[in-house]
Amino acid sequence: MILVLEKKRKESAKEYIMRILVDNIVNVRLKPGDQLLERNFCELCGVSRTPFREALLELAQRHLVEIRPKIGTYVSYIDMDLVDQVRHMRSVLESELARMACKMVSEEDLERLRANIVRWEACVEADETEESLILDKEFHGMLYEFCGRSYWYELAEGLAPHFDRTSTLKYQCRLATENVIQDHEELLHAIENRDEEKAAEIARRHLNRYTENIEEIREHFPDYFVPETTFLSGKE
C-alpha cells in the first residue's frame, strides 16, 4: 500500500504527485514492475488525470517509470549500470564538496552534523529503515548547504532515487551499516581538522560502500533488478 503524503503549501498538483511517487518508489512501497493505475492513484491522492500524466512523463524521462503505449505504466526495474553512473557522479561532486567543507563550515555547522550522526545511530539501532535513510541523506544535504552549492544538490537529487533504492534494500536486508556510519564520523573529523585530502578520500570511499553488499541485495531481491545486467564493482 502506497503512502499518501500531505500536500505542501504552494506545491502544484504535478509536484505533489511526483513527490508521492518518488517517495514510494525509493522506499519500495511501489516495487519494480508494479503497474501504476491512473484511476486508482488519482482517487487515492485526490488529483486529476492531467497532472498525473504530466508527472509520469517526467518520471519516465528520469527512468523511474516505464510507459508502455496502450498497455500501461510500470515502476522501472533497478538498472545497476545507471545506479553506478549516479554513484560516480556523486563521488566526483562530493569529494570536491568535502574539500570545500574543510574551508567553509563553521563550528555551528559541525554541531549540526554531529547531532545528525547521533540521531542516525539511534534510528539504525531501533531498525527504523525509512528514518535512517532520511538522516543519511540529510547529512549529505547539509554539506551542500554549508558550501553554498544548492544547485549541485538539486542536480544530484534529481538522479538520487536510483541510488536510494539500493540503500533502502540494504536496510531492509538488515545488512551491516557500521562502516557507513563510521564514514560519516571520519568525514566529520577530517573536516573539523581541515584536512582536505583526507576528507576527499573518505567521501570517495563512502560512495563506493554500496558495492560491498550489492550482490547480497540482489540475492534477496532478484526480481527487482534489470535481468542479465553486467555490473562492474567500483568502476570509475
Protein backbone atom coordinates (compact mmCIF):
# COMPACT_ATOMS: atom_id res chain seq x y z
CA MET A 1 0.00 0.00 0.00
CA ILE A 2 1.44 3.35 -1.00
CA LEU A 3 1.87 6.17 1.47
CA VAL A 4 -0.02 9.35 0.54
CA LEU A 5 1.97 12.35 1.77
CA GLU A 6 0.47 15.62 2.91
CA LYS A 7 0.43 18.28 0.20
CA LYS A 8 2.84 21.15 0.81
CA ARG A 9 1.82 24.79 0.71
CA LYS A 10 2.15 26.25 -2.83
CA GLU A 11 3.02 22.83 -4.24
CA SER A 12 1.48 22.21 -7.67
CA ALA A 13 -0.55 19.06 -8.31
CA LYS A 14 2.17 17.70 -10.59
CA GLU A 15 4.92 18.35 -8.00
CA TYR A 16 2.77 16.72 -5.33
CA ILE A 17 2.20 13.58 -7.41
CA MET A 18 5.88 13.34 -8.31
CA ARG A 19 6.88 13.62 -4.66
CA ILE A 20 4.46 10.86 -3.67
CA LEU A 21 5.60 8.58 -6.47
CA VAL A 22 9.32 9.13 -5.87
CA ASP A 23 8.92 8.60 -2.11
CA ASN A 24 7.06 5.34 -2.64
CA ILE A 25 9.47 4.12 -5.33
CA VAL A 26 12.56 4.91 -3.21
CA ASN A 27 11.09 3.22 -0.13
CA VAL A 28 9.96 0.28 -2.28
CA ARG A 29 6.30 0.50 -1.33
CA LEU A 30 5.93 0.66 -5.09
CA LYS A 31 8.06 -2.25 -6.24
CA PRO A 32 9.85 -2.62 -9.59
CA GLY A 33 7.35 -3.92 -12.11
CA ASP A 34 4.27 -2.61 -10.26
CA GLN A 35 1.67 -1.08 -12.55
CA LEU A 36 0.55 2.49 -11.82
CA LEU A 37 -3.20 2.56 -12.34
CA GLU A 38 -4.27 6.09 -13.21
CA ARG A 39 -7.82 5.99 -11.89
CA ASN A 40 -6.92 4.35 -8.59
CA PHE A 41 -3.99 6.68 -7.95
CA CYS A 42 -5.94 9.84 -8.79
CA GLU A 43 -8.79 8.85 -6.48
CA LEU A 44 -6.43 7.93 -3.67
CA CYS A 45 -4.48 11.21 -3.86
CA GLY A 46 -7.36 13.49 -4.83
CA VAL A 47 -5.81 14.73 -8.06
CA SER A 48 -6.94 14.95 -11.68
CA ARG A 49 -5.59 12.89 -14.56
CA THR A 50 -3.72 15.70 -16.34
CA PRO A 51 -1.08 16.41 -13.63
CA PHE A 52 -0.78 12.67 -13.01
CA ARG A 53 0.07 12.06 -16.65
CA GLU A 54 2.48 15.02 -16.68
CA ALA A 55 4.25 13.59 -13.64
CA LEU A 56 4.56 10.18 -15.27
CA LEU A 57 6.12 11.70 -18.39
CA GLU A 58 8.78 13.45 -16.32
CA LEU A 59 9.48 10.33 -14.25
CA ALA A 60 9.78 8.32 -17.46
CA GLN A 61 12.46 10.78 -18.64
CA ARG A 62 14.27 10.13 -15.36
CA HIS A 63 13.99 6.34 -15.94
CA LEU A 64 11.94 5.78 -12.79
CA VAL A 65 8.84 4.56 -14.61
CA GLU A 66 8.31 2.87 -17.96
CA ILE A 67 5.39 3.91 -20.15
CA ARG A 68 4.23 1.14 -22.46
CA PRO A 69 1.80 2.62 -25.01
CA LYS A 70 -1.67 1.02 -24.93
CA ILE A 71 -0.52 -1.33 -22.16
CA GLY A 72 0.22 0.72 -19.04
CA THR A 73 2.83 2.45 -16.90
CA TYR A 74 5.12 0.45 -14.61
CA VAL A 75 7.74 1.17 -11.98
CA SER A 76 11.15 0.69 -13.59
CA TYR A 77 13.45 -2.11 -12.53
CA ILE A 78 16.75 -1.19 -10.89
CA ASP A 79 19.40 -0.74 -13.56
CA MET A 80 22.80 -1.23 -11.92
CA ASP A 81 24.66 0.44 -14.78
CA LEU A 82 22.56 3.57 -14.19
CA VAL A 83 22.99 3.30 -10.42
CA ASP A 84 26.77 3.17 -10.87
CA GLN A 85 26.76 6.24 -13.10
CA VAL A 86 24.85 8.14 -10.41
CA ARG A 87 27.33 6.88 -7.81
CA HIS A 88 30.27 8.04 -9.93
CA MET A 89 28.75 11.50 -10.45
CA ARG A 90 28.15 11.89 -6.71
CA SER A 91 31.67 10.68 -5.97
CA VAL A 92 33.12 13.47 -8.13
CA LEU A 93 30.82 16.12 -6.67
CA GLU A 94 31.10 15.11 -3.04
CA SER A 95 34.87 14.61 -2.95
CA GLU A 96 35.21 18.22 -4.13
CA LEU A 97 32.48 19.23 -1.69
CA ALA A 98 34.43 17.63 1.17
CA ARG A 99 37.47 19.74 0.26
CA MET A 100 35.34 22.88 0.23
CA ALA A 101 33.76 21.98 3.56
CA CYS A 102 37.19 21.98 5.20
CA LYS A 103 37.43 25.68 4.38
CA MET A 104 33.83 26.77 4.77
CA VAL A 105 31.96 25.01 7.60
CA SER A 106 31.58 26.76 10.93
CA GLU A 107 31.55 25.33 14.44
CA GLU A 108 27.77 25.62 14.42
CA ASP A 109 27.67 23.62 11.18
CA LEU A 110 29.86 20.92 12.74
CA GLU A 111 27.48 20.65 15.68
CA ARG A 112 24.55 20.09 13.30
CA LEU A 113 26.48 17.32 11.56
CA ARG A 114 27.33 15.70 14.92
CA ALA A 115 23.69 15.82 16.00
CA ASN A 116 22.67 14.17 12.74
CA ILE A 117 25.06 11.26 13.32
CA VAL A 118 23.76 10.73 16.86
CA ARG A 119 20.14 10.62 15.65
CA TRP A 120 21.06 8.34 12.74
CA GLU A 121 22.83 5.85 15.02
CA ALA A 122 19.73 5.72 17.23
CA CYS A 123 17.47 5.06 14.23
CA VAL A 124 19.70 2.27 12.93
CA GLU A 125 19.72 0.71 16.40
CA ALA A 126 15.92 0.92 16.50
CA ASP A 127 15.68 -0.61 12.99
CA GLU A 128 13.83 2.46 11.66
CA THR A 129 14.64 1.97 7.97
CA GLU A 130 12.99 4.99 6.38
CA GLU A 131 14.13 7.45 9.05
CA SER A 132 17.69 6.09 8.77
CA LEU A 133 17.72 6.83 5.04
CA ILE A 134 16.30 10.31 5.63
CA LEU A 135 19.06 11.14 8.12
CA ASP A 136 21.75 9.71 5.83
CA LYS A 137 20.55 11.99 3.04
CA GLU A 138 20.21 14.91 5.44
CA PHE A 139 23.91 14.65 6.37
CA HIS A 140 24.94 14.90 2.72
CA GLY A 141 22.42 17.65 2.06
CA MET A 142 23.84 19.78 4.87
CA LEU A 143 27.30 19.66 3.30
CA TYR A 144 25.90 21.02 0.03
CA GLU A 145 24.06 23.70 2.04
CA PHE A 146 27.08 24.73 4.13
CA CYS A 147 29.23 25.06 0.99
CA GLY A 148 26.62 27.12 -0.86
CA ARG A 149 26.13 24.51 -3.56
CA SER A 150 22.34 24.16 -3.56
CA TYR A 151 22.22 23.77 -7.35
CA TRP A 152 24.69 20.87 -7.17
CA TYR A 153 22.35 19.30 -4.63
CA GLU A 154 19.35 19.85 -6.87
CA LEU A 155 21.12 18.09 -9.73
CA ALA A 156 22.22 15.19 -7.52
CA GLU A 157 18.75 14.78 -6.00
CA GLY A 158 17.17 14.58 -9.46
CA LEU A 159 19.06 11.32 -10.01
CA ALA A 160 19.27 10.15 -6.39
CA PRO A 161 16.22 7.80 -6.43
CA HIS A 162 18.12 5.24 -8.50
CA PHE A 163 20.87 5.11 -5.86
CA ASP A 164 18.50 5.49 -2.91
CA ARG A 165 16.51 2.36 -3.79
CA THR A 166 19.61 0.22 -3.30
CA SER A 167 20.17 1.91 0.09
CA THR A 168 16.59 1.13 1.13
CA LEU A 169 17.02 -2.51 0.16
CA LYS A 170 20.28 -2.68 2.11
CA TYR A 171 18.46 -1.53 5.25
CA GLN A 172 15.60 -3.97 4.59
CA CYS A 173 18.12 -6.83 4.28
CA ARG A 174 19.48 -5.74 7.68
CA LEU A 175 22.98 -5.70 6.29
CA ALA A 176 25.71 -4.07 8.37
CA THR A 177 25.68 -0.25 8.30
CA GLU A 178 28.52 0.32 10.78
CA ASN A 179 31.00 1.19 8.02
CA VAL A 180 28.64 3.76 6.53
CA ILE A 181 28.13 5.49 9.88
CA GLN A 182 31.87 5.33 10.54
CA ASP A 183 32.49 7.08 7.21
CA HIS A 184 30.30 9.98 8.32
CA GLU A 185 32.12 10.19 11.64
CA GLU A 186 35.54 10.11 9.95
CA LEU A 187 34.48 12.67 7.36
CA LEU A 188 33.28 14.98 10.13
CA HIS A 189 36.61 14.53 11.92
CA ALA A 190 38.60 15.31 8.75
CA ILE A 191 36.53 18.44 8.09
CA GLU A 192 36.96 19.53 11.70
CA ASN A 193 40.75 19.14 11.29
CA ARG A 194 40.63 20.98 7.95
CA ASP A 195 42.32 18.00 6.27
CA GLU A 196 41.19 18.40 2.65
CA GLU A 197 42.96 15.35 1.21
CA LYS A 198 41.62 13.04 3.92
CA ALA A 199 38.11 14.42 3.62
CA ALA A 200 38.08 13.95 -0.16
CA GLU A 201 39.38 10.36 0.18
CA ILE A 202 36.70 9.47 2.73
CA ALA A 203 33.97 10.96 0.54
CA ARG A 204 35.10 8.84 -2.42
CA ARG A 205 35.32 5.71 -0.27
CA HIS A 206 31.89 6.35 1.17
CA LEU A 207 30.24 6.45 -2.26
CA ASN A 208 31.72 3.03 -3.02
CA ARG A 209 30.22 1.40 0.07
CA TYR A 210 27.06 0.24 -1.67
CA THR A 211 29.12 -2.10 -3.87
CA GLU A 212 30.13 -4.10 -0.79
CA ASN A 213 26.68 -5.64 -0.42
CA ILE A 214 25.11 -5.29 -3.84
CA GLU A 215 25.32 -8.97 -4.77
CA GLU A 216 23.74 -9.96 -1.46
CA ILE A 217 20.97 -7.42 -2.03
CA ARG A 218 20.36 -8.86 -5.50
CA GLU A 219 20.14 -12.34 -3.99
CA HIS A 220 17.44 -11.13 -1.58
CA PHE A 221 15.51 -9.22 -4.26
CA PRO A 222 16.31 -10.87 -7.61
CA ASP A 223 13.08 -9.71 -9.24
CA TYR A 224 13.80 -6.02 -8.57
CA PHE A 225 16.71 -5.68 -10.98
CA VAL A 226 17.04 -5.42 -14.74
CA PRO A 227 17.72 -9.01 -15.87
CA GLU A 228 21.16 -10.06 -17.07
CA THR A 229 22.87 -6.82 -16.03
CA THR A 230 26.64 -6.97 -16.08
CA PHE A 231 27.86 -4.83 -13.21
CA LEU A 232 31.50 -3.88 -12.65
CA SER A 233 32.01 -3.06 -8.97
CA GLY A 234 33.77 0.25 -8.31
CA LYS A 235 34.10 1.17 -11.99
CA GLU A 236 35.23 4.78 -12.37
